[in-house]
Protein backbone atom coordinates (compact mmCIF):
# COMPACT_ATOMS: atom_id res chain seq x y z
CA MET A 1 0.15 -0.05 0.04
CA GLU A 2 1.27 3.49 -0.98
CA ALA A 3 2.15 5.95 1.96
CA ALA A 4 1.95 9.77 1.01
CA SER A 5 4.71 11.80 1.85
CA LEU A 6 4.23 14.22 4.60
CA GLY A 7 6.57 16.73 3.49
CA SER A 8 9.59 18.41 5.02
CA ASP A 9 7.54 21.36 6.56
CA LYS A 10 5.31 19.05 8.63
CA PRO A 11 6.34 17.70 12.16
CA LYS A 12 7.39 14.05 12.16
CA ILE A 13 4.92 11.26 13.23
CA ARG A 14 5.79 10.47 16.93
CA VAL A 15 5.72 6.62 17.65
CA VAL A 16 6.30 4.54 20.81
CA VAL A 17 6.76 0.80 20.22
CA ILE A 18 5.41 -1.61 22.84
CA ASP A 19 6.88 -5.21 22.54
CA ASP A 20 8.32 -7.48 25.19
CA SER A 21 11.15 -8.48 22.83
CA ALA A 22 14.15 -6.47 23.04
CA LEU A 23 15.16 -7.59 19.38
CA MET A 24 11.56 -6.49 18.08
CA ARG A 25 11.67 -3.22 19.86
CA HIS A 26 15.12 -2.57 18.15
CA VAL A 27 14.07 -3.68 14.60
CA LEU A 28 10.90 -1.80 14.71
CA SER A 29 12.64 1.27 16.02
CA GLU A 30 15.48 1.05 13.35
CA ILE A 31 12.80 0.42 10.45
CA LEU A 32 10.44 3.41 11.70
CA ASN A 33 13.14 5.81 12.12
CA SER A 34 14.72 4.98 8.66
CA ASP A 35 11.71 6.87 7.10
CA PRO A 36 12.28 11.07 7.48
CA ASP A 37 8.62 11.40 8.28
CA ILE A 38 8.72 9.18 11.52
CA GLN A 39 10.41 9.37 14.82
CA VAL A 40 10.36 6.80 17.45
CA VAL A 41 9.95 8.70 20.72
CA GLY A 42 9.94 6.07 23.06
CA VAL A 43 9.87 2.10 23.88
CA ALA A 44 8.24 -0.14 26.36
CA SER A 45 8.61 -3.78 27.32
CA ASP A 46 5.23 -4.16 29.07
CA PRO A 47 1.71 -2.36 29.19
CA PHE A 48 2.90 -0.73 32.58
CA PHE A 49 5.77 0.97 31.31
CA ALA A 50 4.03 1.89 28.16
CA ARG A 51 1.30 3.68 30.10
CA GLU A 52 3.90 5.90 31.76
CA LYS A 53 5.69 6.39 28.31
CA ILE A 54 2.32 7.39 26.72
CA LYS A 55 1.83 9.83 29.28
CA GLU A 56 5.38 11.45 29.06
CA VAL A 57 5.61 11.81 25.37
CA ASN A 58 2.07 11.75 23.94
CA PRO A 59 2.84 9.68 20.76
CA ASP A 60 0.75 10.00 17.32
CA VAL A 61 0.91 6.34 17.07
CA ILE A 62 1.71 3.26 18.95
CA THR A 63 2.69 -0.32 17.84
CA LEU A 64 1.61 -2.93 20.10
CA ASP A 65 2.49 -6.43 20.56
CA VAL A 66 -0.44 -8.80 21.11
CA GLU A 67 1.20 -11.13 23.71
CA MET A 68 3.25 -9.50 26.55
CA PRO A 69 3.89 -10.27 30.32
CA LYS A 70 1.79 -8.59 33.02
CA MET A 71 -1.04 -7.53 30.77
CA ASP A 72 -1.75 -8.89 27.27
CA GLY A 73 -1.94 -6.51 24.46
CA LEU A 74 -5.86 -6.96 24.25
CA GLN A 75 -6.41 -5.91 27.64
CA PHE A 76 -4.16 -2.94 27.15
CA LEU A 77 -5.73 -2.02 24.15
CA ARG A 78 -9.18 -2.29 25.62
CA ASN A 79 -8.24 0.09 28.54
CA LEU A 80 -6.42 2.63 26.03
CA MET A 81 -9.34 2.96 23.74
CA ARG A 82 -11.59 3.45 26.62
CA LEU A 83 -9.67 5.95 28.30
CA ARG A 84 -7.23 7.47 25.92
CA PRO A 85 -8.09 6.66 22.19
CA MET A 86 -5.25 6.86 19.84
CA PRO A 87 -4.01 5.15 16.64
CA VAL A 88 -2.71 1.88 17.26
CA VAL A 89 -0.96 -0.41 14.93
CA MET A 90 -0.80 -4.28 16.14
CA VAL A 91 2.10 -6.39 15.77
CA SER A 92 0.74 -10.11 15.65
CA SER A 93 2.09 -13.46 14.63
CA LEU A 94 0.78 -15.28 11.53
CA THR A 95 -0.86 -18.10 13.40
CA LEU A 96 -4.68 -19.08 13.98
CA ARG A 97 -4.27 -17.85 17.42
CA GLY A 98 -2.65 -14.59 16.17
CA ALA A 99 -5.49 -14.18 13.51
CA ASP A 100 -8.39 -14.45 16.24
CA VAL A 101 -6.45 -11.99 18.53
CA THR A 102 -5.83 -9.53 15.96
CA LEU A 103 -9.09 -9.32 14.47
CA GLU A 104 -10.26 -8.81 18.08
CA ALA A 105 -7.79 -6.08 18.40
CA LEU A 106 -9.36 -4.51 15.25
CA GLU A 107 -12.78 -4.79 16.72
CA LEU A 108 -11.54 -3.14 19.83
CA GLY A 109 -10.33 -0.23 17.89
CA ALA A 110 -6.71 -0.71 16.38
CA VAL A 111 -6.25 0.75 12.88
CA ASP A 112 -4.39 -1.99 11.45
CA PHE A 113 -1.79 -4.81 12.03
CA VAL A 114 1.34 -6.05 10.69
CA SER A 115 2.05 -9.77 10.67
CA LYS A 116 5.15 -10.67 12.67
CA PRO A 117 7.33 -13.72 11.15
CA GLU A 118 7.57 -16.73 13.36
CA ILE A 119 11.30 -17.41 12.58
CA ASP A 120 14.17 -15.36 11.48
CA ILE A 121 12.31 -12.14 12.83
CA ALA A 122 15.11 -9.70 12.29
CA GLU A 123 15.76 -10.59 8.78
CA LYS A 124 12.02 -11.12 7.58
CA LEU A 125 10.83 -8.31 9.45
CA LYS A 126 13.19 -5.81 7.41
CA SER A 127 11.38 -7.07 4.47
CA TYR A 128 8.24 -5.67 5.53
CA SER A 129 9.61 -2.21 6.29
CA GLU A 130 7.52 -0.71 3.54
CA GLU A 131 4.39 -1.95 4.96
CA ILE A 132 5.14 -1.09 8.38
CA ILE A 133 6.10 2.57 7.60
CA SER A 134 2.94 2.83 5.30
CA LYS A 135 0.69 1.71 8.07
CA VAL A 136 2.07 3.92 10.58
CA LYS A 137 1.73 6.83 8.35
CA VAL A 138 -2.09 6.00 7.49
CA ALA A 139 -2.79 5.24 11.18
CA SER A 140 -1.47 8.82 12.11
CA THR A 141 -4.22 10.24 9.89
CA ALA A 142 -7.06 7.72 10.98
CA LYS A 143 -9.94 8.78 12.78
CA VAL A 144 -9.97 6.95 16.14
CA ASN A 145 -12.97 6.93 18.55
CA ARG A 146 -13.35 6.06 22.02
CA LEU A 147 -14.31 2.34 22.76
CA SER A 148 -18.19 2.00 23.02
CA ASP A 149 -20.03 -0.27 25.09
CA GLU A 150 -21.43 -2.07 22.20
CA ALA A 151 -17.75 -3.10 21.14
CA LEU A 152 -17.39 -4.94 24.44
CA ARG A 153 -20.43 -7.03 24.26
CA SER A 154 -19.78 -10.58 23.02
CA PRO A 155 -21.42 -11.80 19.73
CA GLU A 156 -24.09 -13.78 21.70
CA LYS A 157 -25.15 -10.50 23.42
CA ARG A 158 -25.73 -8.38 20.25
CA ASN A 159 -29.25 -9.84 19.90
CA ILE A 160 -28.25 -11.55 16.62
CA ILE A 161 -30.64 -14.12 15.93
CA LYS A 162 -29.90 -16.80 13.35
CA PRO A 163 -33.05 -17.87 11.49
CA PRO A 164 -33.76 -21.57 10.41
CA GLY A 165 -31.88 -21.84 7.37
CA ALA A 166 -33.70 -24.40 5.61
CA ASN A 167 -35.85 -22.07 3.57
CA LEU A 168 -32.76 -20.03 2.30
CA HIS A 169 -30.30 -22.73 2.13
CA PHE A 170 -30.59 -23.71 -1.36
CA LYS A 171 -32.52 -20.72 -2.84
CA THR A 172 -30.99 -19.23 -6.07
CA THR A 173 -30.04 -15.65 -5.79
CA ASP A 174 -30.60 -13.50 -8.75
CA ARG A 175 -29.00 -10.24 -7.35
CA ILE A 176 -25.70 -9.67 -5.99
CA LEU A 177 -24.36 -7.58 -3.14
CA ALA A 178 -20.64 -6.70 -3.87
CA ILE A 179 -18.66 -4.95 -1.02
CA GLY A 180 -14.94 -4.00 -0.95
CA ALA A 181 -12.89 -2.58 1.84
CA SER A 182 -9.29 -2.37 3.33
CA THR A 183 -8.10 -0.31 6.46
CA GLY A 184 -10.90 -0.11 9.07
CA GLY A 185 -12.74 -2.60 6.82
CA THR A 186 -13.18 -5.33 9.32
CA GLU A 187 -15.21 -3.44 11.60
CA ALA A 188 -17.29 -1.64 9.01
CA ILE A 189 -18.06 -4.78 7.19
CA ARG A 190 -19.37 -6.41 10.65
CA GLU A 191 -21.53 -3.37 11.18
CA VAL A 192 -23.01 -3.49 7.86
CA LEU A 193 -23.78 -7.19 7.72
CA GLU A 194 -25.11 -7.21 11.46
CA LYS A 195 -27.83 -4.70 10.07
CA LEU A 196 -28.53 -6.71 7.02
CA PRO A 197 -31.68 -9.21 7.19
CA ALA A 198 -31.21 -12.88 6.72
CA ASP A 199 -32.78 -12.86 3.48
CA THR A 200 -30.40 -10.45 1.69
CA PRO A 201 -29.37 -11.68 -1.67
CA GLY A 202 -26.05 -13.29 -2.18
CA THR A 203 -23.33 -11.23 -0.85
CA VAL A 204 -19.28 -11.45 -1.99
CA ILE A 205 -16.88 -9.37 -0.08
CA VAL A 206 -13.12 -8.67 -0.65
CA GLN A 207 -11.20 -7.19 2.60
CA HIS A 208 -7.49 -6.68 2.08
CA ILE A 209 -6.25 -9.31 4.70
CA PRO A 210 -3.74 -12.23 4.63
CA GLY A 211 -4.57 -15.66 3.76
CA MET A 212 -4.14 -17.00 7.28
CA PHE A 213 -6.58 -14.41 8.45
CA SER A 214 -9.48 -14.69 6.10
CA ALA A 215 -11.15 -17.95 7.50
CA SER A 216 -11.12 -16.55 10.97
CA PHE A 217 -12.71 -13.08 9.88
CA ALA A 218 -15.23 -15.18 8.08
CA LYS A 219 -15.89 -17.28 11.16
CA ARG A 220 -16.42 -13.97 13.28
CA LEU A 221 -18.65 -12.38 10.85
CA ASN A 222 -20.81 -15.46 10.96
CA ASP A 223 -21.07 -15.33 14.69
CA THR A 224 -22.63 -11.73 14.38
CA SER A 225 -24.73 -11.84 11.17
CA ALA A 226 -28.00 -13.16 10.46
CA MET A 227 -26.86 -14.52 7.30
CA THR A 228 -24.41 -17.38 6.74
CA VAL A 229 -20.95 -16.29 6.32
CA CYS A 230 -17.84 -18.52 5.12
CA GLU A 231 -14.81 -18.06 3.15
CA ALA A 232 -15.20 -18.51 -0.47
CA GLU A 233 -14.44 -21.69 -2.21
CA ASP A 234 -13.72 -22.33 -5.96
CA GLY A 235 -16.92 -23.17 -7.60
CA GLN A 236 -19.21 -22.59 -4.69
CA ARG A 237 -22.50 -21.64 -5.72
CA VAL A 238 -23.59 -17.99 -4.51
CA LEU A 239 -27.03 -18.59 -2.47
CA HIS A 240 -29.58 -16.20 -1.02
CA GLY A 241 -28.98 -15.23 2.82
CA HIS A 242 -25.17 -16.15 2.38
CA VAL A 243 -21.97 -14.16 2.33
CA TYR A 244 -18.62 -15.31 0.68
CA ILE A 245 -15.56 -13.77 1.94
CA ALA A 246 -12.27 -13.65 -0.58
CA PRO A 247 -9.43 -15.83 0.94
CA GLY A 248 -6.61 -13.57 1.73
CA ASP A 249 -4.24 -14.78 -1.09
CA ARG A 250 -6.60 -15.39 -4.00
CA HIS A 251 -8.77 -13.01 -6.22
CA LEU A 252 -12.38 -13.70 -6.02
CA THR A 253 -14.80 -13.33 -8.98
CA VAL A 254 -18.39 -14.12 -9.82
CA LYS A 255 -19.30 -16.15 -12.64
CA ARG A 256 -22.81 -16.78 -14.11
CA ASP A 257 -24.16 -20.28 -15.40
CA GLY A 258 -27.74 -19.77 -16.66
CA ALA A 259 -29.80 -18.38 -13.68
CA ARG A 260 -26.91 -19.29 -11.10
CA TYR A 261 -23.96 -17.63 -10.07
CA TYR A 262 -20.90 -19.22 -8.73
CA CYS A 263 -17.62 -18.09 -6.86
CA LYS A 264 -14.29 -18.27 -8.96
CA LEU A 265 -11.07 -18.16 -7.34
CA SER A 266 -7.56 -17.28 -9.10
CA SER A 267 -4.58 -19.39 -8.25
CA PRO A 268 -2.58 -18.62 -5.33
CA ASP A 269 0.17 -17.51 -7.60
CA ALA A 270 -2.00 -14.91 -9.60
CA GLU A 271 -0.58 -11.54 -9.84
CA PRO A 272 -1.86 -8.61 -7.46
CA VAL A 273 -4.12 -6.26 -9.16
CA SER A 274 -4.25 -2.53 -8.16
CA GLY A 275 -1.46 -3.73 -5.81
CA HIS A 276 -3.63 -6.29 -3.97
CA LYS A 277 -4.65 -9.87 -3.66
CA PRO A 278 -7.33 -10.30 -3.26
CA SER A 279 -8.40 -7.16 -5.24
CA VAL A 280 -11.64 -5.26 -4.97
CA ASP A 281 -11.33 -4.07 -8.61
CA VAL A 282 -11.22 -7.79 -9.73
CA LEU A 283 -14.42 -8.52 -7.98
CA LEU A 284 -16.29 -5.59 -8.98
CA HIS A 285 -15.44 -5.79 -12.47
CA SER A 286 -16.68 -9.35 -12.81
CA VAL A 287 -20.00 -8.42 -10.95
CA ALA A 288 -20.28 -5.78 -13.53
CA GLU A 289 -19.81 -7.95 -16.50
CA GLN A 290 -21.70 -10.78 -14.96
CA ILE A 291 -24.81 -9.33 -13.11
CA GLY A 292 -24.88 -5.55 -14.47
CA HIS A 293 -28.14 -3.84 -13.05
CA ASN A 294 -29.05 -6.63 -10.68
CA ALA A 295 -26.27 -5.68 -8.39
CA ILE A 296 -25.37 -3.44 -5.71
CA GLY A 297 -21.79 -2.29 -5.09
CA VAL A 298 -20.37 -0.86 -1.92
CA ILE A 299 -16.73 0.46 -1.18
CA LEU A 300 -16.03 1.12 2.60
CA THR A 301 -13.09 2.53 4.45
CA GLY A 302 -9.66 1.65 3.03
CA MET A 303 -6.47 3.13 1.99
CA GLY A 304 -5.60 3.44 -1.69
CA LYS A 305 -7.79 3.51 -4.80
CA ASP A 306 -8.57 -0.35 -5.27
CA GLY A 307 -12.10 -0.87 -6.18
CA ALA A 308 -12.71 2.72 -7.65
CA GLU A 309 -12.53 1.55 -11.40
CA GLY A 310 -14.57 -1.62 -10.57
CA LEU A 311 -17.20 0.37 -9.08
CA LYS A 312 -17.30 2.75 -11.99
CA ALA A 313 -17.69 -0.17 -14.08
CA MET A 314 -20.59 -1.62 -12.03
CA ARG A 315 -22.35 1.89 -12.20
CA ASP A 316 -22.13 2.20 -16.05
CA ALA A 317 -23.67 -1.32 -16.17
CA GLY A 318 -26.72 -0.16 -14.36
CA ALA A 319 -25.88 -1.28 -10.82
CA ARG A 320 -26.67 0.85 -7.81
CA THR A 321 -23.35 2.11 -6.24
CA LEU A 322 -22.60 3.25 -2.58
CA VAL A 323 -19.60 4.49 -0.97
CA GLN A 324 -18.81 5.32 2.77
CA ASP A 325 -18.47 8.95 3.70
CA GLU A 326 -15.61 10.70 4.88
CA ALA A 327 -16.75 11.39 8.28
CA THR A 328 -17.16 7.89 9.31
CA SER A 329 -14.17 6.21 7.48
CA VAL A 330 -11.15 5.42 9.35
CA VAL A 331 -9.39 6.11 5.93
CA TRP A 332 -11.08 7.76 3.09
CA GLY A 333 -8.80 6.59 0.44
CA MET A 334 -10.77 3.77 -1.47
CA PRO A 335 -14.36 5.45 -1.08
CA GLY A 336 -12.74 8.96 -1.68
CA ALA A 337 -11.19 7.77 -4.92
CA ALA A 338 -14.43 6.00 -6.13
CA ASP A 339 -16.47 9.15 -5.58
CA LYS A 340 -13.89 11.32 -7.26
CA ILE A 341 -14.01 9.38 -10.50
CA GLY A 342 -18.01 9.36 -10.57
CA ALA A 343 -18.29 5.73 -9.43
CA ALA A 344 -20.44 6.63 -6.51
CA GLU A 345 -24.19 7.13 -6.98
CA GLU A 346 -24.41 7.85 -3.28
CA VAL A 347 -22.14 8.75 -0.43
CA LEU A 348 -23.38 7.80 3.04
CA PRO A 349 -22.35 7.36 6.59
CA LEU A 350 -21.59 3.95 7.64
CA GLN A 351 -24.79 3.65 9.92
CA LYS A 352 -27.07 4.20 6.70
CA VAL A 353 -25.12 1.66 4.42
CA ALA A 354 -27.20 -1.39 5.38
CA PRO A 355 -30.53 0.30 5.72
CA ARG A 356 -30.03 1.92 2.06
CA ILE A 357 -28.79 -1.70 0.71
CA SER A 358 -32.08 -3.35 1.99
CA LEU A 359 -34.43 -0.46 0.43
CA LEU A 360 -32.55 -0.79 -2.85
CA PHE A 361 -33.16 -4.58 -2.77
CA GLN A 362 -36.84 -4.12 -1.73
CA ARG A 363 -37.57 -1.82 -4.61
CA SER A 364 -35.79 -3.68 -7.15
CA GLN A 365 -37.57 -7.03 -6.09
CA ALA A 366 -40.84 -4.86 -6.20
CA GLY A 367 -40.00 -3.67 -9.75
CA GLN A 368 -39.89 -0.09 -8.71
CA LYS A 369 -37.96 2.61 -10.53
CA LYS A 370 -34.99 4.23 -9.02
CA ALA A 371 -35.45 6.47 -6.31
């Protein structure tokens, strides 16, 4: 992902690195200080030292390890976002446990995360220096809100009711909802899906996320959505009331066979498109071509411009197109880029996206004209 230069006339981004590993503190500090726009103003080996360091230097961004002594990273993040919200980039391991914890951290308010290699940390982490620098820069511009009581509630307490699936399970969908997102998108997608009813047409989603994380992401969404959510499989039929998440290392497209739609996955070695794999542009272009006016396209918060051209293609094909507004986006890169080229029919705050989707599908089903 690209990071915009801050310019020499602007103050440096002040960062505190929190990690129990002296090696990780050194490597991360070295990487971040190598960029002229960033200055590491403090390090801490555990959350208690971190708390005092944050009070002392008032950083713009912190990087936070997940597993630390005395207090784990999640509890520290929970306290931080409730009492003193600030941009946080998590540093997590590429494991199933790491994926679950990282996704919970994003739910608690972390802006983004960087995956920590399990072996040869010093050497491999250096290869991620561009990503780390980029995400810290984006985090410094992100909108961070105080942790809400809703975010503290478990999925079982969010009044999500899973309906009996028999009536929807094999029902063909003739309409498609396609959603794309990046930075801040895991929580934006969750909020949209929580508000959509169980009988929403088949939904396909690309979130920029590593391959190890996408299955865990789908599972978490399934726990909080009235629809059935899964990681997409090649050749899988797109059904009414179901949601399909692109695997984190493969492009997802939709293919038509008569009145039926199927998920099509690229090979794992396919090249990135618009700088990403999976790419929102790849998905939305396929929806424009295969579904046309029977689709709704949505771009939520995210850095960069992936999806803008695909959403424009959808609008040109007669689909309804929505983007999240700047005020509620963590980063207004992707939705802003789509709006700039005329791809967005409507620009909406996040809380209004799901109700608008439902209304548009209701009107299309009833054969009403566009509002």
